[in-house]
Amino acid sequence: MRIGELADRTGVSPRALRKYESAGLIGSERAANGYRVYDERAAVRVRNIRYLLDAGLTLADVACFRACLDGDLSTAPPSAAGLRIARERLAVIDRRIAAQTAARDRLARALEAAPAVRVS
């Protein structure tokens, strides 16, 4: 299938598909006309990539799952390496949330301390 069909079947933009391909997560052949042609397994791989990205992993994290992308990741038992990666990513997300919460609290305190401004 061509990139547009793969995009339609998976709900992923052609741009994202090219990014996944450049990261080595999916592969294609080139037709005589130069178009990318993907096999049927590519749709499964793309859905698994989206599953992992939607769970909060990065593309670099997903690359660690390259060997597992042809199966059903949503029902497979997690590996020790997969759990380690997920825990590391969760810690990063938690730190970002804490930093954003602290910034929000500082801004809220500054606004509370600011003199009221009349709007006419």
C-alpha atoms as a PDB file:
ATOM      1  CA  MET A   1       0.000   0.000   0.000  1.00  0.00           C
ATOM      2  CA  ARG A   2       1.163   3.553  -0.582  1.00  0.00           C
ATOM      3  CA  ILE A   3       1.775   6.073   2.157  1.00  0.00           C
ATOM      4  CA  GLY A   4      -1.627   7.753   1.756  1.00  0.00           C
ATOM      5  CA  GLU A   5      -3.453   4.456   2.202  1.00  0.00           C
ATOM      6  CA  LEU A   6      -1.359   3.579   5.251  1.00  0.00           C
ATOM      7  CA  ALA A   7      -2.134   7.011   6.669  1.00  0.00           C
ATOM      8  CA  ASP A   8      -5.858   6.500   6.074  1.00  0.00           C
ATOM      9  CA  ARG A   9      -5.853   3.001   7.590  1.00  0.00           C
ATOM     10  CA  THR A  10      -3.981   4.057  10.719  1.00  0.00           C
ATOM     11  CA  GLY A  11      -5.094   7.662  11.240  1.00  0.00           C
ATOM     12  CA  VAL A  12      -1.469   8.797  11.206  1.00  0.00           C
ATOM     13  CA  SER A  13      -0.282  11.574   8.921  1.00  0.00           C
ATOM     14  CA  PRO A  14       2.111  10.825   6.052  1.00  0.00           C
ATOM     15  CA  ARG A  15       4.591  13.161   7.719  1.00  0.00           C
ATOM     16  CA  ALA A  16       4.530  11.068  10.908  1.00  0.00           C
ATOM     17  CA  LEU A  17       4.891   7.882   8.849  1.00  0.00           C
ATOM     18  CA  ARG A  18       8.009   9.287   7.183  1.00  0.00           C
ATOM     19  CA  LYS A  19       9.330  10.160  10.646  1.00  0.00           C
ATOM     20  CA  TYR A  20       8.696   6.608  11.868  1.00  0.00           C
ATOM     21  CA  GLU A  21      10.477   5.296   8.800  1.00  0.00           C
ATOM     22  CA  SER A  22      13.478   7.549   9.291  1.00  0.00           C
ATOM     23  CA  ALA A  23      13.645   6.282  12.898  1.00  0.00           C
ATOM     24  CA  GLY A  24      13.795   2.718  11.551  1.00  0.00           C
ATOM     25  CA  LEU A  25      10.452   1.726  13.075  1.00  0.00           C
ATOM     26  CA  ILE A  26       8.722   0.901   9.796  1.00  0.00           C
ATOM     27  CA  GLY A  27      10.085   0.091   6.387  1.00  0.00           C
ATOM     28  CA  SER A  28       9.009   0.491   2.808  1.00  0.00           C
ATOM     29  CA  GLU A  29      10.104  -0.437  -0.653  1.00  0.00           C
ATOM     30  CA  ARG A  30      10.275   2.025  -3.512  1.00  0.00           C
ATOM     31  CA  ALA A  31       8.053   1.400  -6.509  1.00  0.00           C
ATOM     32  CA  ALA A  32       9.349   2.073 -10.010  1.00  0.00           C
ATOM     33  CA  ASN A  33       7.716   5.503  -9.856  1.00  0.00           C
ATOM     34  CA  GLY A  34       9.565   6.313  -6.603  1.00  0.00           C
ATOM     35  CA  TYR A  35       6.545   6.041  -4.313  1.00  0.00           C
ATOM     36  CA  ARG A  36       6.922   4.345  -0.964  1.00  0.00           C
ATOM     37  CA  VAL A  37       5.123   1.012  -0.794  1.00  0.00           C
ATOM     38  CA  TYR A  38       4.375  -0.603   2.570  1.00  0.00           C
ATOM     39  CA  ASP A  39       3.384  -4.192   3.289  1.00  0.00           C
ATOM     40  CA  GLU A  40       0.376  -5.164   5.412  1.00  0.00           C
ATOM     41  CA  ARG A  41       2.481  -5.505   8.588  1.00  0.00           C
ATOM     42  CA  ALA A  42       3.198  -1.775   8.494  1.00  0.00           C
ATOM     43  CA  ALA A  43      -0.340  -0.977   9.662  1.00  0.00           C
ATOM     44  CA  VAL A  44       0.107  -3.195  12.740  1.00  0.00           C
ATOM     45  CA  ARG A  45       3.480  -1.625  13.464  1.00  0.00           C
ATOM     46  CA  VAL A  46       2.081   1.901  13.125  1.00  0.00           C
ATOM     47  CA  ARG A  47      -0.823   1.109  15.459  1.00  0.00           C
ATOM     48  CA  ASN A  48       1.651  -0.258  18.018  1.00  0.00           C
ATOM     49  CA  ILE A  49       3.876   2.806  17.640  1.00  0.00           C
ATOM     50  CA  ARG A  50       0.835   5.036  18.254  1.00  0.00           C
ATOM     51  CA  TYR A  51      -0.167   2.896  21.250  1.00  0.00           C
ATOM     52  CA  LEU A  52       3.254   3.450  22.837  1.00  0.00           C
ATOM     53  CA  LEU A  53       3.414   7.146  21.948  1.00  0.00           C
ATOM     54  CA  ASP A  54      -0.100   7.698  23.283  1.00  0.00           C
ATOM     55  CA  ALA A  55       0.984   6.003  26.524  1.00  0.00           C
ATOM     56  CA  GLY A  56       3.551   8.776  26.972  1.00  0.00           C
ATOM     57  CA  LEU A  57       6.691   7.222  25.520  1.00  0.00           C
ATOM     58  CA  THR A  58       8.933   9.098  23.130  1.00  0.00           C
ATOM     59  CA  LEU A  59       9.966   7.944  19.669  1.00  0.00           C
ATOM     60  CA  ALA A  60      13.381   7.081  21.100  1.00  0.00           C
ATOM     61  CA  ASP A  61      11.651   4.960  23.765  1.00  0.00           C
ATOM     62  CA  VAL A  62       9.552   3.243  21.100  1.00  0.00           C
ATOM     63  CA  ALA A  63      12.723   2.282  19.229  1.00  0.00           C
ATOM     64  CA  CYS A  64      13.566  -0.005  22.166  1.00  0.00           C
ATOM     65  CA  PHE A  65      10.397  -1.973  21.344  1.00  0.00           C
ATOM     66  CA  ARG A  66      11.329  -2.427  17.670  1.00  0.00           C
ATOM     67  CA  ALA A  67      11.439  -6.230  17.964  1.00  0.00           C
ATOM     68  CA  CYS A  68       7.912  -6.346  19.428  1.00  0.00           C
ATOM     69  CA  LEU A  69       6.067  -4.011  17.067  1.00  0.00           C
ATOM     70  CA  ASP A  70       4.592  -6.750  14.865  1.00  0.00           C
ATOM     71  CA  GLY A  71       2.542  -8.307  17.689  1.00  0.00           C
ATOM     72  CA  ASP A  72      -0.364  -7.076  19.789  1.00  0.00           C
ATOM     73  CA  LEU A  73       1.320  -4.849  22.349  1.00  0.00           C
ATOM     74  CA  SER A  74      -1.904  -3.921  24.083  1.00  0.00           C
ATOM     75  CA  THR A  75      -2.447  -7.492  25.328  1.00  0.00           C
ATOM     76  CA  ALA A  76       1.129  -8.798  25.567  1.00  0.00           C
ATOM     77  CA  PRO A  77       2.690  -9.065  29.016  1.00  0.00           C
ATOM     78  CA  PRO A  78       5.291  -6.326  29.504  1.00  0.00           C
ATOM     79  CA  SER A  79       8.951  -7.214  29.485  1.00  0.00           C
ATOM     80  CA  ALA A  80      11.367  -6.135  32.212  1.00  0.00           C
ATOM     81  CA  ALA A  81      12.991  -3.717  29.754  1.00  0.00           C
ATOM     82  CA  GLY A  82       9.604  -2.338  28.736  1.00  0.00           C
ATOM     83  CA  LEU A  83       8.637  -1.761  32.353  1.00  0.00           C
ATOM     84  CA  ARG A  84      11.960  -0.037  33.045  1.00  0.00           C
ATOM     85  CA  ILE A  85      11.469   2.308  30.076  1.00  0.00           C
ATOM     86  CA  ALA A  86       7.890   3.062  31.117  1.00  0.00           C
ATOM     87  CA  ARG A  87       8.935   3.798  34.711  1.00  0.00           C
ATOM     88  CA  GLU A  88      11.715   6.103  33.517  1.00  0.00           C
ATOM     89  CA  ARG A  89       9.311   7.965  31.223  1.00  0.00           C
ATOM     90  CA  LEU A  90       6.755   8.263  34.039  1.00  0.00           C
ATOM     91  CA  ALA A  91       9.417   9.811  36.274  1.00  0.00           C
ATOM     92  CA  VAL A  92      10.220  12.371  33.562  1.00  0.00           C
ATOM     93  CA  ILE A  93       6.539  13.229  33.150  1.00  0.00           C
ATOM     94  CA  ASP A  94       6.119  13.539  36.933  1.00  0.00           C
ATOM     95  CA  ARG A  95       9.073  15.958  37.099  1.00  0.00           C
ATOM     96  CA  ARG A  96       7.592  18.058  34.289  1.00  0.00           C
ATOM     97  CA  ILE A  97       4.210  18.166  36.005  1.00  0.00           C
ATOM     98  CA  ALA A  98       5.865  19.247  39.266  1.00  0.00           C
ATOM     99  CA  ALA A  99       7.798  21.993  37.467  1.00  0.00           C
ATOM    100  CA  GLN A 100       4.660  23.244  35.704  1.00  0.00           C
ATOM    101  CA  THR A 101       2.669  23.156  38.954  1.00  0.00           C
ATOM    102  CA  ALA A 102       5.381  25.176  40.701  1.00  0.00           C
ATOM    103  CA  ALA A 103       5.383  27.732  37.861  1.00  0.00           C
ATOM    104  CA  ARG A 104       1.588  27.946  38.002  1.00  0.00           C
ATOM    105  CA  ASP A 105       1.668  28.466  41.772  1.00  0.00           C
ATOM    106  CA  ARG A 106       4.287  31.241  41.458  1.00  0.00           C
ATOM    107  CA  LEU A 107       2.191  32.989  38.836  1.00  0.00           C
ATOM    108  CA  ALA A 108      -0.979  32.652  40.937  1.00  0.00           C
ATOM    109  CA  ARG A 109       0.806  34.157  43.977  1.00  0.00           C
ATOM    110  CA  ALA A 110       2.128  37.027  41.855  1.00  0.00           C
ATOM    111  CA  LEU A 111      -1.352  37.752  40.553  1.00  0.00           C
ATOM    112  CA  GLU A 112      -2.823  37.647  44.058  1.00  0.00           C
ATOM    113  CA  ALA A 113      -0.206  40.154  45.236  1.00  0.00           C
ATOM    114  CA  ALA A 114      -0.706  42.492  42.264  1.00  0.00           C
ATOM    115  CA  PRO A 115      -2.904  45.564  42.786  1.00  0.00           C
ATOM    116  CA  ALA A 116      -6.345  45.339  41.247  1.00  0.00           C
ATOM    117  CA  VAL A 117      -6.661  47.038  37.884  1.00  0.00           C
ATOM    118  CA  ARG A 118      -9.942  48.616  36.860  1.00  0.00           C
ATOM    119  CA  VAL A 119     -11.260  47.774  33.464  1.00  0.00           C
ATOM    120  CA  SER A 120     -13.591  50.391  32.078  1.00  0.00           C
END
